[in-house]
Amino acid sequence: MDGIINILKPSGMTSHDVVYKIRKKFNIQKVGHTGTLDPNVAGVLPIVIGKGTKLAQILTDKDKSYRCMMSFGKQTDTSDTYGKIISENEKKLFTYDEVRNVCDDFIGVIEQVPSMYSAIKVNGQKLYKLARKGQVIENIPSRKVNIHSLDIIEFYENAFLFDISCSKGTYVRCVVEDIAKKLGTVGYMNFLVRTSSGQFDIQDSVCIGDVEENDIIPIDEINIEGVKNIILDEKQLTRYINGLLVTPEYIKKFEYSTKNIYKIYNEDRKLISIGQLVENRLKNMIMINL
């Protein structure tokens, strides 16, 4: 039982809760996920099973997409509707163009300070768990994130619905607060849903209570963005497995990958490993089957 399940995580459940339920459902220990989704956020959470867990490090790096409703005039300690109101501002009415222009300023690579109510770890502990205990970490390091697009779907007098596509590690609740700040007010998230994680889309996801064995996507059928296929004959495959030099001119089927990452198959079309081309030399990254 090896592969990936595109799970629709409900709000109120941790990513670890989902992993536990899948372990129990299929009676298998090797289960993980490809990127934590905050407990109060619903949406796509790809779950890796068996040998599929070996792909987690590649899939975790993929871009994410979300749908969010943002409201102006109030700020909470969690940046969403679950927290306590810590600031209120006289309601300002913004035009669509004013909001659109500010949103445009956030597209591209930006510096972002993660929220205390995020799942990142500081000194081995998740921030949201520390926050729930009343602890506040000062001077959380900022980090660079990349916002590819931010599209306004619906616009109201004091709120708007938007879709955002971004790099891993982007916290939309922080984007919301920063947009409000740039507009001279405060704001918070009404709701947030992750609509995609890499190639996995919410339209194809399955609810945790409905998941069955046939929902597991086999490793062979996972089309990882930017990853191409390579077929090695028996001689070159033996060299590859033993860490010896294998270069493109000796590869039976070769197509350059923009990521320099490849699925390595034998002549019987059995997936052997995930490899990487480094200085024109094919090297093993993740061994799947020997």
Protein backbone atom coordinates (compact mmCIF):
# COMPACT_ATOMS: atom_id res chain seq x y z
CA MET A 1 0.00 0.00 0.00
CA ASP A 2 2.10 2.88 -1.35
CA GLY A 3 1.11 6.27 -2.73
CA ILE A 4 -0.69 9.51 -1.90
CA ILE A 5 -4.23 10.43 -0.86
CA ASN A 6 -5.58 13.90 -1.62
CA ILE A 7 -7.39 14.54 1.67
CA LEU A 8 -9.82 17.39 2.35
CA LYS A 9 -8.90 18.31 5.93
CA PRO A 10 -11.75 19.80 7.95
CA SER A 11 -11.34 22.84 10.15
CA GLY A 12 -10.61 22.01 13.78
CA MET A 13 -8.41 19.00 13.03
CA THR A 14 -4.61 19.08 13.08
CA SER A 15 -2.54 17.62 10.26
CA HIS A 16 -1.27 15.02 12.72
CA ASP A 17 -4.88 14.06 13.52
CA VAL A 18 -5.38 13.25 9.83
CA VAL A 19 -2.20 11.16 9.74
CA TYR A 20 -3.38 9.23 12.82
CA LYS A 21 -6.79 8.51 11.28
CA ILE A 22 -5.22 7.23 8.05
CA ARG A 23 -2.84 5.00 10.01
CA LYS A 24 -5.79 3.56 11.91
CA LYS A 25 -7.97 3.22 8.81
CA PHE A 26 -5.42 1.22 6.79
CA ASN A 27 -3.46 -0.30 9.69
CA ILE A 28 -0.16 1.06 8.39
CA GLN A 29 2.54 2.96 10.28
CA LYS A 30 4.38 4.70 7.43
CA VAL A 31 2.06 7.68 6.94
CA GLY A 32 2.92 11.38 6.69
CA HIS A 33 1.84 14.61 5.03
CA THR A 34 3.39 17.08 2.61
CA GLY A 35 3.06 20.30 4.58
CA THR A 36 1.24 21.27 7.77
CA LEU A 37 -2.15 22.92 7.47
CA ASP A 38 -3.10 25.04 10.50
CA PRO A 39 -5.79 23.43 12.71
CA ASN A 40 -8.45 26.08 12.00
CA VAL A 41 -7.86 25.99 8.24
CA ALA A 42 -9.67 23.52 6.00
CA GLY A 43 -8.52 22.28 2.63
CA VAL A 44 -6.14 20.11 0.65
CA LEU A 45 -3.70 18.02 2.69
CA PRO A 46 -1.86 15.39 0.60
CA ILE A 47 -1.17 12.31 2.73
CA VAL A 48 1.75 10.04 1.82
CA ILE A 49 1.57 6.31 2.57
CA GLY A 50 4.18 3.54 2.58
CA LYS A 51 6.89 4.18 -0.01
CA GLY A 52 5.00 7.35 -0.90
CA THR A 53 6.49 8.89 2.26
CA LYS A 54 9.80 9.03 0.39
CA LEU A 55 8.29 11.66 -1.90
CA ALA A 56 7.27 13.97 0.95
CA GLN A 57 10.44 16.09 0.76
CA ILE A 58 9.80 16.85 -2.93
CA LEU A 59 6.06 17.46 -2.64
CA THR A 60 6.40 19.70 0.43
CA ASP A 61 8.26 22.32 -1.61
CA LYS A 62 5.38 22.83 -4.05
CA ASP A 63 3.31 26.02 -4.31
CA LYS A 64 -0.01 26.34 -2.51
CA SER A 65 -3.29 28.11 -3.36
CA TYR A 66 -5.94 29.43 -0.98
CA ARG A 67 -9.32 31.16 -0.97
CA CYS A 68 -9.76 33.73 1.78
CA MET A 69 -12.39 36.19 2.98
CA MET A 70 -10.91 39.30 4.60
CA SER A 71 -12.83 41.85 6.68
CA PHE A 72 -11.75 45.35 7.70
CA GLY A 73 -12.22 47.21 10.98
CA LYS A 74 -11.17 44.62 13.59
CA GLN A 75 -8.00 42.78 14.53
CA THR A 76 -7.84 39.60 16.60
CA ASP A 77 -4.93 37.94 18.38
CA THR A 78 -5.18 34.97 15.99
CA SER A 79 -5.82 37.09 12.87
CA ASP A 80 -9.05 35.14 12.30
CA THR A 81 -12.56 34.78 13.75
CA TYR A 82 -11.41 32.34 16.45
CA GLY A 83 -9.41 34.91 18.41
CA LYS A 84 -10.09 37.77 20.80
CA ILE A 85 -10.53 41.26 19.41
CA ILE A 86 -7.42 43.25 20.29
CA SER A 87 -8.00 46.32 18.12
CA GLU A 88 -10.87 48.08 16.41
CA ASN A 89 -10.75 50.87 13.89
CA GLU A 90 -13.43 53.19 12.65
CA LYS A 91 -14.80 51.45 9.61
CA LYS A 92 -13.38 52.90 6.44
CA LEU A 93 -15.01 52.29 3.11
CA PHE A 94 -12.51 51.46 0.43
CA THR A 95 -12.98 51.41 -3.30
CA TYR A 96 -12.15 48.35 -5.33
CA ASP A 97 -9.24 50.19 -6.97
CA GLU A 98 -7.74 51.18 -3.61
CA VAL A 99 -7.74 47.59 -2.41
CA ARG A 100 -6.59 46.24 -5.78
CA ASN A 101 -3.62 48.62 -5.87
CA VAL A 102 -2.49 47.59 -2.39
CA CYS A 103 -2.90 43.90 -3.20
CA ASP A 104 -0.69 44.37 -6.25
CA ASP A 105 2.12 45.56 -3.95
CA PHE A 106 2.22 42.11 -2.35
CA ILE A 107 2.73 40.16 -5.56
CA GLY A 108 6.28 38.85 -5.92
CA VAL A 109 8.95 38.07 -3.34
CA ILE A 110 8.22 39.72 0.03
CA GLU A 111 9.52 39.54 3.60
CA GLN A 112 7.00 38.03 6.01
CA VAL A 113 7.02 37.56 9.79
CA PRO A 114 5.03 34.40 10.66
CA SER A 115 2.06 34.70 13.01
CA MET A 116 2.19 33.42 16.59
CA TYR A 117 -0.78 31.30 15.55
CA SER A 118 1.15 29.40 12.91
CA ALA A 119 2.45 25.84 12.86
CA ILE A 120 6.13 26.69 12.42
CA LYS A 121 8.48 25.61 15.19
CA VAL A 122 10.68 27.79 17.39
CA ASN A 123 13.05 25.91 19.69
CA GLY A 124 11.26 22.69 18.77
CA GLN A 125 7.77 23.90 19.69
CA LYS A 126 4.95 24.98 17.40
CA LEU A 127 4.10 28.65 17.77
CA TYR A 128 0.33 28.17 17.98
CA LYS A 129 0.77 25.79 20.93
CA LEU A 130 2.90 28.36 22.75
CA ALA A 131 0.35 31.07 21.94
CA ARG A 132 -2.47 28.99 23.42
CA LYS A 133 -0.46 28.81 26.65
CA GLY A 134 -0.23 32.60 26.68
CA GLN A 135 3.43 32.66 25.67
CA VAL A 136 4.61 35.24 23.16
CA ILE A 137 7.84 34.86 21.20
CA GLU A 138 9.47 38.19 20.48
CA ASN A 139 11.37 38.94 17.29
CA ILE A 140 10.22 35.96 15.24
CA PRO A 141 12.59 35.89 12.26
CA SER A 142 11.13 37.07 8.97
CA ARG A 143 11.52 35.02 5.83
CA LYS A 144 11.13 35.49 2.11
CA VAL A 145 7.97 34.15 0.49
CA ASN A 146 6.74 34.45 -3.08
CA ILE A 147 3.17 35.46 -3.90
CA HIS A 148 2.50 34.50 -7.50
CA SER A 149 -1.01 35.93 -7.79
CA LEU A 150 -3.72 37.56 -5.69
CA ASP A 151 -7.10 37.80 -7.42
CA ILE A 152 -10.13 39.55 -5.95
CA ILE A 153 -13.19 37.36 -6.52
CA GLU A 154 -15.89 39.40 -4.75
CA PHE A 155 -15.74 42.90 -3.28
CA TYR A 156 -17.93 44.44 -0.55
CA GLU A 157 -17.91 47.70 1.39
CA ASN A 158 -15.78 46.37 4.25
CA ALA A 159 -14.64 42.94 3.06
CA PHE A 160 -13.43 41.06 0.02
CA LEU A 161 -12.98 37.48 -1.15
CA PHE A 162 -9.73 36.59 -2.90
CA ASP A 163 -7.71 33.71 -4.30
CA ILE A 164 -3.99 33.62 -3.64
CA SER A 165 -1.24 31.43 -5.09
CA CYS A 166 2.04 31.41 -3.18
CA SER A 167 5.19 29.55 -2.24
CA LYS A 168 5.32 27.11 0.65
CA GLY A 169 5.59 28.75 4.06
CA THR A 170 3.41 31.76 3.16
CA TYR A 171 0.95 32.71 5.92
CA VAL A 172 -2.18 34.21 4.43
CA ARG A 173 -3.32 35.58 7.80
CA CYS A 174 -0.14 37.70 7.81
CA VAL A 175 -0.87 38.88 4.26
CA VAL A 176 -4.34 39.94 5.43
CA GLU A 177 -3.01 41.97 8.36
CA ASP A 178 -0.33 43.57 6.20
CA ILE A 179 -2.87 44.56 3.52
CA ALA A 180 -5.04 46.19 6.20
CA LYS A 181 -2.04 48.00 7.68
CA LYS A 182 -1.07 49.39 4.29
CA LEU A 183 -4.63 50.65 3.86
CA GLY A 184 -4.41 52.43 7.22
CA THR A 185 -6.77 50.14 9.10
CA VAL A 186 -6.91 46.68 10.70
CA GLY A 187 -8.34 43.44 9.39
CA TYR A 188 -8.74 39.71 9.91
CA MET A 189 -9.64 36.50 8.07
CA ASN A 190 -13.26 35.40 8.07
CA PHE A 191 -12.22 32.04 6.67
CA LEU A 192 -9.38 30.36 4.82
CA VAL A 193 -9.41 27.25 2.63
CA ARG A 194 -6.41 25.67 0.92
CA THR A 195 -7.60 24.96 -2.60
CA SER A 196 -4.47 23.26 -3.92
CA SER A 197 -1.08 21.92 -2.88
CA GLY A 198 1.17 21.35 -5.86
CA GLN A 199 -0.72 19.19 -8.33
CA PHE A 200 -3.40 18.23 -5.79
CA ASP A 201 -6.63 20.21 -6.18
CA ILE A 202 -9.61 20.55 -3.85
CA GLN A 203 -11.95 19.42 -6.66
CA ASP A 204 -10.32 15.98 -6.55
CA SER A 205 -9.96 15.69 -2.76
CA VAL A 206 -11.72 13.17 -0.54
CA CYS A 207 -13.18 13.74 2.93
CA ILE A 208 -11.36 11.97 5.74
CA GLY A 209 -14.48 9.99 6.68
CA ASP A 210 -15.04 8.73 3.13
CA VAL A 211 -11.52 7.64 2.21
CA GLU A 212 -11.08 4.14 0.79
CA GLU A 213 -8.11 2.15 -0.50
CA ASN A 214 -8.95 3.03 -4.12
CA ASP A 215 -8.40 6.70 -3.23
CA ILE A 216 -4.66 6.02 -2.88
CA ILE A 217 -2.87 7.38 -5.96
CA PRO A 218 -0.02 4.98 -6.91
CA ILE A 219 3.47 6.48 -6.98
CA ASP A 220 3.78 5.78 -10.72
CA GLU A 221 0.71 7.93 -11.42
CA ILE A 222 1.92 10.99 -9.53
CA ASN A 223 2.98 13.62 -12.04
CA ILE A 224 5.34 15.86 -10.11
CA GLU A 225 5.64 19.29 -11.72
CA GLY A 226 8.94 19.75 -13.53
CA VAL A 227 10.00 16.12 -13.04
CA LYS A 228 10.72 14.08 -16.18
CA ASN A 229 11.11 10.33 -16.73
CA ILE A 230 14.34 8.46 -17.48
CA ILE A 231 14.67 4.83 -18.59
CA LEU A 232 17.95 3.06 -17.82
CA ASP A 233 19.08 -0.24 -19.31
CA GLU A 234 20.32 -2.97 -16.98
CA LYS A 235 23.98 -1.96 -17.20
CA GLN A 236 23.41 1.75 -16.55
CA LEU A 237 20.87 1.01 -13.82
CA THR A 238 23.45 -1.12 -11.99
CA ARG A 239 25.96 1.74 -12.25
CA TYR A 240 23.33 4.21 -11.02
CA ILE A 241 22.32 2.09 -8.01
CA ASN A 242 25.97 1.67 -7.03
CA GLY A 243 26.67 5.40 -7.23
CA LEU A 244 28.80 5.23 -10.37
CA LEU A 245 28.88 7.75 -13.21
CA VAL A 246 25.79 7.84 -15.41
CA THR A 247 25.60 10.72 -17.89
CA PRO A 248 22.81 11.71 -20.33
CA GLU A 249 24.50 10.25 -23.44
CA TYR A 250 24.21 6.74 -21.93
CA ILE A 251 20.55 7.05 -20.98
CA LYS A 252 18.05 5.14 -23.09
CA LYS A 253 15.31 7.76 -22.83
CA PHE A 254 16.21 11.27 -21.71
CA GLU A 255 14.45 14.64 -21.67
CA TYR A 256 15.90 17.59 -19.78
CA SER A 257 13.93 18.64 -16.71
CA THR A 258 13.74 22.29 -15.69
CA LYS A 259 14.22 21.12 -12.09
CA ASN A 260 17.00 18.62 -12.94
CA ILE A 261 14.94 16.00 -11.07
CA TYR A 262 13.87 12.72 -12.68
CA LYS A 263 11.88 9.55 -12.11
CA ILE A 264 14.23 6.66 -12.85
CA TYR A 265 12.66 3.56 -14.48
CA ASN A 266 14.10 0.22 -15.56
CA GLU A 267 13.40 -1.26 -18.99
CA ASP A 268 10.26 -2.96 -17.62
CA ARG A 269 8.90 0.49 -16.72
CA LYS A 270 9.22 -0.14 -12.99
CA LEU A 271 9.91 3.01 -10.96
CA ILE A 272 13.27 2.56 -9.23
CA SER A 273 14.05 5.94 -7.70
CA ILE A 274 13.96 9.71 -7.89
CA GLY A 275 17.26 11.05 -9.21
CA GLN A 276 18.89 14.42 -9.78
CA LEU A 277 21.24 15.60 -12.50
CA VAL A 278 24.19 17.33 -10.82
CA GLU A 279 27.02 18.66 -13.01
CA ASN A 280 25.83 16.42 -15.86
CA ARG A 281 25.91 13.36 -13.60
CA LEU A 282 22.81 11.42 -12.54
CA LYS A 283 22.67 10.87 -8.78
CA ASN A 284 20.15 9.08 -6.59
CA MET A 285 17.94 11.21 -4.33
CA ILE A 286 15.24 8.81 -3.13
CA MET A 287 15.33 5.05 -3.64
CA ILE A 288 11.83 3.68 -4.21
CA ASN A 289 12.34 0.08 -5.37
CA LEU A 290 15.42 -2.12 -5.76
